[in-house]
Amino acid sequence: MLARAGDPVPGSRQAPGARGRPRDPGVDAAIRAATLELLAEAGYARLTMDQVAARARVSKSSLYLRWPNKVALVADAVQHRARAVPEVPDTGSLPQDMQMFLTGLLRARGEASRALAAVSGEIATNPELRQAWHRGLAGMLTGCLRQIIDRAVARGELPADSDAELLAGLPLPLLQNWRLEHHGQPDDAVVERIVRQFYTPRPPHRCARETAR
């Protein structure tokens, strides 16, 4: 089951429901925004809790009341960034759905992509951040892609025995590898190539149709 953007992140502190004053969501949002800004500017390794508190204009005690350490804070900020996931289209066509979703994803990245890129180098070695990444943005995106694939299978566009998990997990690594190989952001033309190669069902081969007669 995929985690939602508002679910608790491992290691984060949640205020008891019946004790004390309720947390100010505006303060939480300011802290998360400051965290993502600093990630984009300085990277994960140089990010400090003091910097976040200063950028968000909150006291360190307020910061530590909400998150016990940098890992928990960054994990929570990354997970909340998942709310920028595009809506899942339902045009009745696998190529169109995939094209619209991936194009919308490229449009939505912007500053978030720079911030998340600053975290990606730590994901491989930091289990807590890796868990937050998979439960957050990457997990939600894969879930959206899986929904598109499952609908295509239900409509008969893809065979019933299609590997939906593999097909749903393919676009994100392809886009990421493009960034690494070409030192830049993929554009609509790259999305079109991915959709044409992997998500455009082809009619049965003529020989196969004649044999079936």
N, C-alpha and C. Protein backbone atom coordinates (compact mmCIF):
# COMPACT_ATOMS: atom_id res chain seq x y z
N MET A 1 0.85 -1.20 0.00
CA MET A 1 0.00 0.00 0.00
C MET A 1 0.88 1.24 0.00
N LEU A 2 0.57 2.18 -0.90
CA LEU A 2 1.38 3.38 -1.00
C LEU A 2 1.05 4.35 0.11
N ALA A 3 2.08 5.03 0.60
CA ALA A 3 1.85 6.05 1.62
C ALA A 3 1.36 7.31 0.95
N ARG A 4 0.52 8.03 1.64
CA ARG A 4 0.04 9.31 1.13
C ARG A 4 0.96 10.42 1.59
N ALA A 5 0.88 11.57 0.90
CA ALA A 5 1.81 12.65 1.20
C ALA A 5 1.67 13.16 2.61
N GLY A 6 0.52 13.00 3.23
CA GLY A 6 0.32 13.50 4.58
C GLY A 6 0.63 12.50 5.67
N ASP A 7 0.99 11.25 5.30
CA ASP A 7 1.27 10.24 6.30
C ASP A 7 2.55 10.54 7.04
N PRO A 8 2.71 10.06 8.29
CA PRO A 8 3.93 10.32 9.04
C PRO A 8 5.13 9.69 8.37
N VAL A 9 6.27 10.33 8.46
CA VAL A 9 7.53 9.81 7.95
C VAL A 9 8.27 9.16 9.10
N PRO A 10 8.92 7.99 8.87
CA PRO A 10 9.66 7.36 9.96
C PRO A 10 10.64 8.33 10.59
N GLY A 11 10.62 8.42 11.91
CA GLY A 11 11.56 9.27 12.62
C GLY A 11 11.03 10.65 12.91
N SER A 12 9.89 11.03 12.33
CA SER A 12 9.35 12.35 12.59
C SER A 12 8.46 12.30 13.81
N ARG A 13 8.38 13.42 14.51
CA ARG A 13 7.58 13.50 15.71
C ARG A 13 6.20 14.03 15.37
N GLN A 14 5.20 13.37 15.87
CA GLN A 14 3.84 13.81 15.65
C GLN A 14 3.28 14.30 16.97
N ALA A 15 2.69 15.48 16.96
CA ALA A 15 2.14 16.03 18.19
C ALA A 15 0.96 15.20 18.64
N PRO A 16 0.88 14.84 19.93
CA PRO A 16 -0.27 14.06 20.42
C PRO A 16 -1.56 14.80 20.14
N GLY A 17 -2.59 14.05 19.77
CA GLY A 17 -3.84 14.67 19.34
C GLY A 17 -4.54 15.45 20.43
N ALA A 18 -4.38 15.08 21.71
CA ALA A 18 -5.18 15.72 22.74
C ALA A 18 -4.34 16.52 23.72
N ARG A 19 -3.08 16.76 23.41
CA ARG A 19 -2.21 17.44 24.35
C ARG A 19 -1.69 18.75 23.75
N GLY A 20 -1.72 19.81 24.57
CA GLY A 20 -1.12 21.07 24.16
C GLY A 20 -1.88 21.72 23.02
N ARG A 21 -1.26 22.79 22.51
CA ARG A 21 -1.87 23.50 21.39
C ARG A 21 -1.61 22.77 20.08
N PRO A 22 -2.57 22.81 19.16
CA PRO A 22 -2.33 22.16 17.86
C PRO A 22 -1.20 22.84 17.11
N ARG A 23 -0.48 22.07 16.31
CA ARG A 23 0.61 22.63 15.53
C ARG A 23 0.08 23.55 14.46
N ASP A 24 0.82 24.61 14.19
CA ASP A 24 0.45 25.58 13.17
C ASP A 24 0.88 25.04 11.81
N PRO A 25 -0.06 24.70 10.92
CA PRO A 25 0.32 24.16 9.61
C PRO A 25 1.13 25.15 8.78
N GLY A 26 0.95 26.46 9.05
CA GLY A 26 1.73 27.46 8.33
C GLY A 26 3.20 27.38 8.68
N VAL A 27 3.51 27.09 9.95
CA VAL A 27 4.90 26.94 10.36
C VAL A 27 5.50 25.68 9.73
N ASP A 28 4.74 24.60 9.75
CA ASP A 28 5.22 23.36 9.13
C ASP A 28 5.53 23.59 7.65
N ALA A 29 4.64 24.28 6.96
CA ALA A 29 4.84 24.52 5.53
C ALA A 29 6.06 25.40 5.29
N ALA A 30 6.27 26.41 6.14
CA ALA A 30 7.43 27.28 5.99
C ALA A 30 8.73 26.51 6.19
N ILE A 31 8.73 25.60 7.15
CA ILE A 31 9.94 24.81 7.41
C ILE A 31 10.23 23.87 6.25
N ARG A 32 9.18 23.23 5.73
CA ARG A 32 9.39 22.31 4.60
C ARG A 32 9.88 23.09 3.37
N ALA A 33 9.28 24.24 3.13
CA ALA A 33 9.70 25.05 1.98
C ALA A 33 11.15 25.48 2.13
N ALA A 34 11.54 25.90 3.32
CA ALA A 34 12.92 26.30 3.56
C ALA A 34 13.87 25.13 3.35
N THR A 35 13.46 23.96 3.77
CA THR A 35 14.29 22.76 3.60
C THR A 35 14.55 22.47 2.13
N LEU A 36 13.50 22.52 1.32
CA LEU A 36 13.65 22.24 -0.10
C LEU A 36 14.48 23.31 -0.80
N GLU A 37 14.30 24.56 -0.40
CA GLU A 37 15.11 25.64 -0.98
C GLU A 37 16.59 25.43 -0.69
N LEU A 38 16.91 25.09 0.55
CA LEU A 38 18.30 24.90 0.94
C LEU A 38 18.89 23.65 0.30
N LEU A 39 18.07 22.62 0.12
CA LEU A 39 18.54 21.43 -0.58
C LEU A 39 18.96 21.78 -2.00
N ALA A 40 18.13 22.60 -2.66
CA ALA A 40 18.44 22.99 -4.04
C ALA A 40 19.68 23.87 -4.10
N GLU A 41 19.91 24.68 -3.07
CA GLU A 41 21.03 25.62 -3.08
C GLU A 41 22.35 24.98 -2.62
N ALA A 42 22.28 24.20 -1.55
CA ALA A 42 23.52 23.74 -0.92
C ALA A 42 23.72 22.23 -0.96
N GLY A 43 22.66 21.47 -1.21
CA GLY A 43 22.78 20.02 -1.19
C GLY A 43 22.55 19.46 0.21
N TYR A 44 22.34 18.17 0.26
CA TYR A 44 21.99 17.52 1.53
C TYR A 44 23.13 17.59 2.54
N ALA A 45 24.35 17.31 2.10
CA ALA A 45 25.47 17.20 3.03
C ALA A 45 25.71 18.50 3.80
N ARG A 46 25.52 19.64 3.14
CA ARG A 46 25.81 20.94 3.78
C ARG A 46 24.59 21.55 4.46
N LEU A 47 23.47 20.91 4.32
CA LEU A 47 22.26 21.42 4.96
C LEU A 47 22.33 21.21 6.48
N THR A 48 21.95 22.21 7.24
CA THR A 48 21.94 22.09 8.70
C THR A 48 20.57 22.52 9.23
N MET A 49 20.26 22.02 10.41
CA MET A 49 19.01 22.40 11.05
C MET A 49 19.00 23.89 11.38
N ASP A 50 20.16 24.44 11.76
CA ASP A 50 20.25 25.87 12.05
C ASP A 50 19.88 26.69 10.82
N GLN A 51 20.36 26.28 9.65
CA GLN A 51 20.05 27.01 8.42
C GLN A 51 18.55 26.98 8.13
N VAL A 52 17.96 25.82 8.33
CA VAL A 52 16.52 25.69 8.07
C VAL A 52 15.73 26.60 9.01
N ALA A 53 16.08 26.59 10.29
CA ALA A 53 15.38 27.43 11.26
C ALA A 53 15.50 28.90 10.87
N ALA A 54 16.70 29.31 10.47
CA ALA A 54 16.90 30.71 10.09
C ALA A 54 16.11 31.07 8.84
N ARG A 55 16.14 30.19 7.83
CA ARG A 55 15.43 30.48 6.58
C ARG A 55 13.92 30.52 6.80
N ALA A 56 13.41 29.62 7.65
CA ALA A 56 11.97 29.57 7.92
C ALA A 56 11.53 30.59 8.95
N ARG A 57 12.52 31.24 9.60
CA ARG A 57 12.24 32.24 10.62
C ARG A 57 11.46 31.64 11.79
N VAL A 58 11.95 30.50 12.25
CA VAL A 58 11.38 29.86 13.43
C VAL A 58 12.51 29.56 14.40
N SER A 59 12.16 29.31 15.64
CA SER A 59 13.18 28.96 16.62
C SER A 59 13.62 27.51 16.43
N LYS A 60 14.84 27.21 16.88
CA LYS A 60 15.32 25.83 16.78
C LYS A 60 14.47 24.90 17.62
N SER A 61 13.95 25.40 18.74
CA SER A 61 13.11 24.55 19.57
C SER A 61 11.83 24.16 18.83
N SER A 62 11.27 25.09 18.05
CA SER A 62 10.08 24.76 17.25
C SER A 62 10.42 23.72 16.19
N LEU A 63 11.59 23.85 15.61
CA LEU A 63 12.02 22.90 14.59
C LEU A 63 12.19 21.51 15.18
N TYR A 64 12.92 21.42 16.29
CA TYR A 64 13.18 20.11 16.89
C TYR A 64 11.93 19.52 17.55
N LEU A 65 10.95 20.35 17.88
CA LEU A 65 9.70 19.84 18.39
C LEU A 65 8.98 19.01 17.33
N ARG A 66 9.19 19.38 16.08
CA ARG A 66 8.50 18.73 14.98
C ARG A 66 9.32 17.59 14.37
N TRP A 67 10.62 17.78 14.23
CA TRP A 67 11.49 16.78 13.62
C TRP A 67 12.75 16.61 14.48
N PRO A 68 13.09 15.38 14.85
CA PRO A 68 14.21 15.17 15.77
C PRO A 68 15.58 15.37 15.15
N ASN A 69 15.68 15.29 13.82
CA ASN A 69 16.99 15.39 13.18
C ASN A 69 16.83 15.74 11.70
N LYS A 70 17.95 15.93 11.03
CA LYS A 70 17.93 16.34 9.63
C LYS A 70 17.33 15.28 8.73
N VAL A 71 17.63 14.03 9.00
CA VAL A 71 17.10 12.95 8.17
C VAL A 71 15.58 12.97 8.19
N ALA A 72 15.00 13.06 9.39
CA ALA A 72 13.55 13.06 9.50
C ALA A 72 12.95 14.28 8.82
N LEU A 73 13.59 15.43 8.94
CA LEU A 73 13.09 16.66 8.33
C LEU A 73 13.11 16.56 6.81
N VAL A 74 14.25 16.16 6.26
CA VAL A 74 14.38 16.07 4.81
C VAL A 74 13.43 15.01 4.26
N ALA A 75 13.31 13.89 4.96
CA ALA A 75 12.41 12.83 4.52
C ALA A 75 10.98 13.34 4.45
N ASP A 76 10.57 14.10 5.46
CA ASP A 76 9.21 14.63 5.48
C ASP A 76 9.00 15.66 4.38
N ALA A 77 9.98 16.52 4.16
CA ALA A 77 9.86 17.53 3.10
C ALA A 77 9.76 16.87 1.74
N VAL A 78 10.55 15.82 1.52
CA VAL A 78 10.51 15.10 0.24
C VAL A 78 9.14 14.44 0.06
N GLN A 79 8.63 13.84 1.12
CA GLN A 79 7.35 13.16 1.01
C GLN A 79 6.23 14.15 0.70
N HIS A 80 6.24 15.31 1.34
CA HIS A 80 5.20 16.30 1.07
C HIS A 80 5.31 16.87 -0.34
N ARG A 81 6.53 16.87 -0.90
CA ARG A 81 6.69 17.35 -2.28
C ARG A 81 5.93 16.45 -3.24
N ALA A 82 5.60 15.24 -2.81
CA ALA A 82 4.86 14.33 -3.67
C ALA A 82 3.49 14.86 -4.05
N ARG A 83 3.01 15.87 -3.34
CA ARG A 83 1.72 16.44 -3.68
C ARG A 83 1.73 17.12 -5.04
N ALA A 84 2.92 17.33 -5.61
CA ALA A 84 3.02 17.96 -6.92
C ALA A 84 2.85 16.95 -8.05
N VAL A 85 2.51 15.72 -7.70
CA VAL A 85 2.31 14.69 -8.73
C VAL A 85 1.12 15.07 -9.61
N PRO A 86 1.27 14.99 -10.94
CA PRO A 86 0.15 15.35 -11.82
C PRO A 86 -1.03 14.40 -11.63
N GLU A 87 -2.21 14.88 -12.01
CA GLU A 87 -3.38 14.01 -11.98
C GLU A 87 -3.24 12.92 -13.03
N VAL A 88 -3.83 11.78 -12.73
CA VAL A 88 -3.75 10.65 -13.67
C VAL A 88 -4.84 10.83 -14.73
N PRO A 89 -4.46 10.98 -16.00
CA PRO A 89 -5.47 11.15 -17.05
C PRO A 89 -6.19 9.83 -17.34
N ASP A 90 -7.35 9.93 -17.92
CA ASP A 90 -8.10 8.74 -18.31
C ASP A 90 -8.80 9.03 -19.64
N THR A 91 -8.00 9.01 -20.71
CA THR A 91 -8.52 9.33 -22.04
C THR A 91 -9.09 8.12 -22.76
N GLY A 92 -8.85 6.92 -22.20
CA GLY A 92 -9.25 5.70 -22.88
C GLY A 92 -8.19 5.17 -23.81
N SER A 93 -7.02 5.78 -23.79
CA SER A 93 -5.92 5.37 -24.67
C SER A 93 -4.63 5.32 -23.86
N LEU A 94 -3.94 4.19 -23.87
CA LEU A 94 -2.68 4.06 -23.15
C LEU A 94 -1.64 5.07 -23.62
N PRO A 95 -1.38 5.20 -24.93
CA PRO A 95 -0.37 6.18 -25.35
C PRO A 95 -0.71 7.61 -24.92
N GLN A 96 -1.97 7.99 -25.06
CA GLN A 96 -2.35 9.35 -24.69
C GLN A 96 -2.24 9.57 -23.19
N ASP A 97 -2.69 8.59 -22.40
CA ASP A 97 -2.59 8.72 -20.94
C ASP A 97 -1.14 8.86 -20.51
N MET A 98 -0.28 8.01 -21.05
CA MET A 98 1.11 8.03 -20.65
C MET A 98 1.79 9.32 -21.11
N GLN A 99 1.47 9.75 -22.32
CA GLN A 99 2.05 11.00 -22.84
C GLN A 99 1.64 12.18 -21.97
N MET A 100 0.38 12.27 -21.62
CA MET A 100 -0.11 13.39 -20.82
C MET A 100 0.50 13.37 -19.42
N PHE A 101 0.59 12.20 -18.83
CA PHE A 101 1.11 12.12 -17.46
C PHE A 101 2.59 12.47 -17.41
N LEU A 102 3.38 11.88 -18.30
CA LEU A 102 4.82 12.14 -18.29
C LEU A 102 5.13 13.59 -18.67
N THR A 103 4.39 14.14 -19.62
CA THR A 103 4.59 15.54 -19.97
C THR A 103 4.23 16.44 -18.79
N GLY A 104 3.13 16.12 -18.11
CA GLY A 104 2.76 16.88 -16.93
C GLY A 104 3.79 16.78 -15.83
N LEU A 105 4.41 15.61 -15.72
CA LEU A 105 5.46 15.42 -14.71
C LEU A 105 6.65 16.33 -15.00
N LEU A 106 7.06 16.41 -16.24
CA LEU A 106 8.18 17.29 -16.59
C LEU A 106 7.84 18.74 -16.29
N ARG A 107 6.60 19.13 -16.53
CA ARG A 107 6.19 20.50 -16.27
C ARG A 107 6.22 20.81 -14.77
N ALA A 108 5.90 19.79 -13.95
CA ALA A 108 5.74 20.02 -12.52
C ALA A 108 7.05 19.99 -11.75
N ARG A 109 8.13 19.58 -12.37
CA ARG A 109 9.34 19.37 -11.60
C ARG A 109 9.96 20.68 -11.11
N GLY A 110 10.45 21.53 -12.06
CA GLY A 110 10.98 22.85 -11.70
C GLY A 110 11.96 22.82 -10.55
N GLU A 111 11.71 23.67 -9.57
CA GLU A 111 12.58 23.77 -8.41
C GLU A 111 12.61 22.49 -7.61
N ALA A 112 11.50 21.77 -7.61
CA ALA A 112 11.46 20.51 -6.86
C ALA A 112 12.49 19.53 -7.39
N SER A 113 12.70 19.50 -8.70
CA SER A 113 13.66 18.56 -9.26
C SER A 113 15.07 18.86 -8.78
N ARG A 114 15.41 20.14 -8.62
CA ARG A 114 16.74 20.48 -8.12
C ARG A 114 16.90 20.06 -6.66
N ALA A 115 15.86 20.27 -5.90
CA ALA A 115 15.92 19.88 -4.49
C ALA A 115 16.02 18.36 -4.35
N LEU A 116 15.21 17.64 -5.12
CA LEU A 116 15.23 16.19 -5.02
C LEU A 116 16.52 15.61 -5.58
N ALA A 117 17.10 16.27 -6.57
CA ALA A 117 18.39 15.83 -7.09
C ALA A 117 19.46 15.93 -6.03
N ALA A 118 19.34 16.92 -5.15
CA ALA A 118 20.31 17.08 -4.07
C ALA A 118 20.22 15.93 -3.08
N VAL A 119 19.06 15.31 -2.98
CA VAL A 119 18.87 14.20 -2.05
C VAL A 119 19.23 12.87 -2.70
N SER A 120 19.12 12.77 -4.01
CA SER A 120 19.26 11.48 -4.68
C SER A 120 20.61 10.83 -4.43
N GLY A 121 21.66 11.62 -4.26
CA GLY A 121 22.97 11.04 -4.00
C GLY A 121 23.06 10.38 -2.64
N GLU A 122 22.20 10.80 -1.72
CA GLU A 122 22.20 10.23 -0.38
C GLU A 122 21.29 9.01 -0.27
N ILE A 123 20.39 8.86 -1.20
CA ILE A 123 19.37 7.81 -1.08
C ILE A 123 20.01 6.43 -1.05
N ALA A 124 21.05 6.24 -1.85
CA ALA A 124 21.64 4.91 -1.93
C ALA A 124 22.30 4.47 -0.63
N THR A 125 22.76 5.42 0.18
CA THR A 125 23.50 5.07 1.38
C THR A 125 22.74 5.35 2.68
N ASN A 126 21.63 6.06 2.60
CA ASN A 126 20.89 6.41 3.80
C ASN A 126 19.54 5.69 3.78
N PRO A 127 19.39 4.64 4.58
CA PRO A 127 18.15 3.84 4.52
C PRO A 127 16.90 4.65 4.81
N GLU A 128 16.97 5.59 5.74
CA GLU A 128 15.78 6.35 6.11
C GLU A 128 15.34 7.27 4.98
N LEU A 129 16.32 7.92 4.35
CA LEU A 129 15.97 8.75 3.20
C LEU A 129 15.47 7.89 2.04
N ARG A 130 16.10 6.74 1.86
CA ARG A 130 15.67 5.86 0.77
C ARG A 130 14.23 5.41 0.98
N GLN A 131 13.87 5.09 2.22
CA GLN A 131 12.51 4.70 2.51
C GLN A 131 11.54 5.84 2.24
N ALA A 132 11.92 7.05 2.65
CA ALA A 132 11.05 8.21 2.43
C ALA A 132 10.88 8.48 0.94
N TRP A 133 11.96 8.31 0.18
CA TRP A 133 11.89 8.53 -1.27
C TRP A 133 10.89 7.56 -1.90
N HIS A 134 11.00 6.28 -1.55
CA HIS A 134 10.12 5.30 -2.17
C HIS A 134 8.69 5.43 -1.68
N ARG A 135 8.50 5.84 -0.42
CA ARG A 135 7.15 6.02 0.10
C ARG A 135 6.56 7.34 -0.38
N GLY A 136 7.41 8.27 -0.73
CA GLY A 136 6.95 9.59 -1.11
C GLY A 136 6.81 9.75 -2.61
N LEU A 137 7.64 10.61 -3.18
CA LEU A 137 7.49 10.99 -4.58
C LEU A 137 7.56 9.81 -5.53
N ALA A 138 8.64 9.02 -5.44
CA ALA A 138 8.80 7.91 -6.39
C ALA A 138 7.68 6.90 -6.24
N GLY A 139 7.29 6.61 -4.99
CA GLY A 139 6.22 5.65 -4.78
C GLY A 139 4.89 6.12 -5.34
N MET A 140 4.59 7.39 -5.15
CA MET A 140 3.32 7.91 -5.65
C MET A 140 3.32 7.97 -7.18
N LEU A 141 4.45 8.36 -7.77
CA LEU A 141 4.53 8.40 -9.23
C LEU A 141 4.37 7.00 -9.81
N THR A 142 5.04 6.02 -9.23
CA THR A 142 4.92 4.65 -9.71
C THR A 142 3.49 4.16 -9.56
N GLY A 143 2.83 4.55 -8.46
CA GLY A 143 1.44 4.16 -8.28
C GLY A 143 0.54 4.74 -9.35
N CYS A 144 0.79 5.99 -9.74
CA CYS A 144 0.02 6.61 -10.82
C CYS A 144 0.25 5.89 -12.14
N LEU A 145 1.50 5.57 -12.42
CA LEU A 145 1.82 4.86 -13.65
C LEU A 145 1.20 3.47 -13.66
N ARG A 146 1.18 2.82 -12.49
CA ARG A 146 0.56 1.50 -12.40
C ARG A 146 -0.94 1.60 -12.70
N GLN A 147 -1.56 2.67 -12.26
CA GLN A 147 -2.98 2.86 -12.54
C GLN A 147 -3.22 2.97 -14.04
N ILE A 148 -2.35 3.70 -14.73
CA ILE A 148 -2.47 3.83 -16.19
C ILE A 148 -2.32 2.47 -16.87
N ILE A 149 -1.33 1.70 -16.43
CA ILE A 149 -1.09 0.38 -17.02
C ILE A 149 -2.26 -0.57 -16.74
N ASP A 150 -2.74 -0.57 -15.50
CA ASP A 150 -3.85 -1.47 -15.15
C ASP A 150 -5.10 -1.16 -15.97
N ARG A 151 -5.35 0.13 -16.21
CA ARG A 151 -6.50 0.50 -17.03
C ARG A 151 -6.33 -0.01 -18.46
N ALA A 152 -5.10 0.08 -18.98
CA ALA A 152 -4.85 -0.38 -20.34
C ALA A 152 -5.06 -1.89 -20.44
N VAL A 153 -4.66 -2.62 -19.42
CA VAL A 153 -4.89 -4.07 -19.40
C VAL A 153 -6.38 -4.36 -19.35
N ALA A 154 -7.11 -3.63 -18.52
CA ALA A 154 -8.56 -3.85 -18.39
C ALA A 154 -9.29 -3.55 -19.70
N ARG A 155 -8.79 -2.56 -20.46
CA ARG A 155 -9.41 -2.21 -21.75
C ARG A 155 -9.03 -3.17 -22.86
N GLY A 156 -8.03 -4.01 -22.62
CA GLY A 156 -7.57 -4.94 -23.65
C GLY A 156 -6.48 -4.37 -24.54
N GLU A 157 -5.98 -3.17 -24.21
CA GLU A 157 -4.88 -2.60 -25.01
C GLU A 157 -3.59 -3.36 -24.79
N LEU A 158 -3.43 -3.91 -23.59
CA LEU A 158 -2.28 -4.73 -23.26
C LEU A 158 -2.75 -6.13 -22.92
N PRO A 159 -1.93 -7.15 -23.18
CA PRO A 159 -2.34 -8.52 -22.82
C PRO A 159 -2.59 -8.66 -21.33
N ALA A 160 -3.46 -9.56 -20.97
CA ALA A 160 -3.81 -9.76 -19.56
C ALA A 160 -2.62 -10.20 -18.73
N ASP A 161 -1.64 -10.85 -19.36
CA ASP A 161 -0.47 -11.33 -18.63
C ASP A 161 0.70 -10.33 -18.67
N SER A 162 0.42 -9.08 -19.02
CA SER A 162 1.48 -8.07 -19.06
C SER A 162 2.07 -7.88 -17.66
N ASP A 163 3.37 -7.60 -17.62
CA ASP A 163 4.05 -7.34 -16.35
C ASP A 163 3.80 -5.89 -15.97
N ALA A 164 2.68 -5.64 -15.29
CA ALA A 164 2.29 -4.27 -14.97
C ALA A 164 3.30 -3.60 -14.05
N GLU A 165 3.86 -4.35 -13.13
CA GLU A 165 4.84 -3.76 -12.21
C GLU A 165 6.07 -3.26 -12.96
N LEU A 166 6.55 -4.06 -13.90
CA LEU A 166 7.72 -3.66 -14.68
C LEU A 166 7.41 -2.46 -15.57
N LEU A 167 6.25 -2.48 -16.23
CA LEU A 167 5.88 -1.39 -17.11
C LEU A 167 5.68 -0.08 -16.35
N ALA A 168 5.15 -0.18 -15.13
CA ALA A 168 4.94 1.03 -14.32
C ALA A 168 6.25 1.58 -13.78
N GLY A 169 7.23 0.72 -13.57
CA GLY A 169 8.50 1.18 -13.02
C GLY A 169 9.50 1.65 -14.05
N LEU A 170 9.15 1.56 -15.32
CA LEU A 170 10.11 1.86 -16.39
C LEU A 170 10.33 3.34 -16.68
N PRO A 171 9.30 4.19 -16.76
CA PRO A 171 9.52 5.57 -17.22
C PRO A 171 10.43 6.40 -16.32
N LEU A 172 10.31 6.27 -15.00
CA LEU A 172 11.10 7.13 -14.12
C LEU A 172 12.61 6.89 -14.27
N PRO A 173 13.09 5.63 -14.26
CA PRO A 173 14.52 5.42 -14.50
C PRO A 173 14.97 5.88 -15.88
N LEU A 174 14.11 5.73 -16.88
CA LEU A 174 14.48 6.20 -18.22
C LEU A 174 14.69 7.70 -18.24
N LEU A 175 13.79 8.44 -17.60
CA LEU A 175 13.94 9.90 -17.56
C LEU A 175 15.16 10.30 -16.74
N GLN A 176 15.40 9.59 -15.63
CA GLN A 176 16.55 9.90 -14.79
C GLN A 176 17.85 9.61 -15.53
N ASN A 177 17.92 8.48 -16.23
CA ASN A 177 19.13 8.15 -16.99
C ASN A 177 19.37 9.16 -18.10
N TRP A 178 18.31 9.67 -18.70
CA TRP A 178 18.47 10.70 -19.73
C TRP A 178 19.14 11.93 -19.15
N ARG A 179 18.71 12.33 -17.95
CA ARG A 179 19.32 13.49 -17.30
C ARG A 179 20.81 13.28 -17.08
N LEU A 180 21.16 12.07 -16.64
CA LEU A 180 22.56 11.79 -16.34
C LEU A 180 23.40 11.70 -17.60
N GLU A 181 22.87 11.08 -18.63
CA GLU A 181 23.63 10.87 -19.86
C GLU A 181 23.77 12.15 -20.69
N HIS A 182 22.75 12.98 -20.68
CA HIS A 182 22.72 14.15 -21.55
C HIS A 182 22.92 15.46 -20.78
N HIS A 183 23.10 15.36 -19.47
CA HIS A 183 23.38 16.53 -18.64
C HIS A 183 22.33 17.64 -18.84
N GLY A 184 21.09 17.24 -18.88
CA GLY A 184 20.02 18.20 -19.03
C GLY A 184 18.68 17.54 -18.81
N GLN A 185 17.62 18.36 -18.82
CA GLN A 185 16.28 17.85 -18.59
C GLN A 185 15.71 17.25 -19.87
N PRO A 186 15.06 16.08 -19.79
CA PRO A 186 14.37 15.55 -20.96
C PRO A 186 13.22 16.45 -21.36
N ASP A 187 12.90 16.44 -22.64
CA ASP A 187 11.81 17.29 -23.12
C ASP A 187 10.68 16.44 -23.67
N ASP A 188 9.72 17.10 -24.32
CA ASP A 188 8.56 16.39 -24.84
C ASP A 188 8.96 15.34 -25.88
N ALA A 189 10.02 15.62 -26.63
CA ALA A 189 10.45 14.66 -27.65
C ALA A 189 10.92 13.35 -27.00
N VAL A 190 11.57 13.45 -25.86
CA VAL A 190 12.01 12.24 -25.15
C VAL A 190 10.80 11.46 -24.66
N VAL A 191 9.80 12.18 -24.13
CA VAL A 191 8.58 11.51 -23.69
C VAL A 191 7.92 10.79 -24.86
N GLU A 192 7.87 11.44 -26.01
CA GLU A 192 7.26 10.81 -27.19
C GLU A 192 8.00 9.54 -27.58
N ARG A 193 9.32 9.54 -27.47
CA ARG A 193 10.10 8.34 -27.80
C ARG A 193 9.80 7.20 -26.82
N ILE A 194 9.69 7.54 -25.55
CA ILE A 194 9.39 6.52 -24.54
C ILE A 194 8.00 5.93 -24.79
N VAL A 195 7.04 6.80 -25.04
CA VAL A 195 5.67 6.33 -25.26
C VAL A 195 5.58 5.49 -26.53
N ARG A 196 6.23 5.94 -27.58
CA ARG A 196 6.17 5.21 -28.85
C ARG A 196 6.84 3.84 -28.74
N GLN A 197 7.94 3.76 -28.00
CA GLN A 197 8.69 2.52 -27.92
C GLN A 197 8.05 1.50 -26.97
N PHE A 198 7.51 1.98 -25.83
CA PHE A 198 7.09 1.04 -24.78
C PHE A 198 5.60 1.04 -24.49
N TYR A 199 4.88 2.09 -24.89
CA TYR A 199 3.48 2.20 -24.47
C TYR A 199 2.52 2.45 -25.62
N THR A 200 2.91 2.06 -26.81
CA THR A 200 2.02 2.14 -27.97
C THR A 200 1.76 0.74 -28.48
N PRO A 201 0.62 0.16 -28.11
CA PRO A 201 0.33 -1.22 -28.54
C PRO A 201 0.32 -1.34 -30.05
N ARG A 202 0.88 -2.39 -30.53
CA ARG A 202 0.95 -2.63 -31.97
C ARG A 202 -0.04 -3.73 -32.35
N PRO A 203 -0.66 -3.59 -33.53
CA PRO A 203 -1.62 -4.62 -33.96
C PRO A 203 -0.90 -5.95 -34.18
N PRO A 204 -1.64 -7.05 -34.05
CA PRO A 204 -1.01 -8.36 -34.28
C PRO A 204 -0.37 -8.44 -35.65
N HIS A 205 0.71 -9.18 -35.75
CA HIS A 205 1.39 -9.35 -37.03
C HIS A 205 0.47 -10.03 -38.03
N ARG A 206 0.61 -9.64 -39.29
CA ARG A 206 -0.29 -10.15 -40.32
C ARG A 206 -0.26 -11.67 -40.38
N CYS A 207 0.92 -12.27 -40.31
CA CYS A 207 1.05 -13.72 -40.40
C CYS A 207 0.32 -14.39 -39.22
N ALA A 208 0.42 -13.75 -38.06
CA ALA A 208 -0.23 -14.31 -36.89
C ALA A 208 -1.75 -14.28 -37.05
N ARG A 209 -2.28 -13.19 -37.66
CA ARG A 209 -3.72 -13.09 -37.87
C ARG A 209 -4.18 -14.15 -38.86
N GLU A 210 -3.40 -14.36 -39.93
CA GLU A 210 -3.80 -15.34 -40.95
C GLU A 210 -3.75 -16.75 -40.40
N THR A 211 -2.75 -17.02 -39.52
CA THR A 211 -2.63 -18.35 -38.92
C THR A 211 -3.82 -18.64 -38.01
N ALA A 212 -4.32 -17.57 -37.36
CA ALA A 212 -5.42 -17.77 -36.42
C ALA A 212 -6.75 -18.04 -37.13
N ARG A 213 -6.82 -17.76 -38.41
CA ARG A 213 -8.08 -17.97 -39.14
C ARG A 213 -8.37 -19.46 -39.30
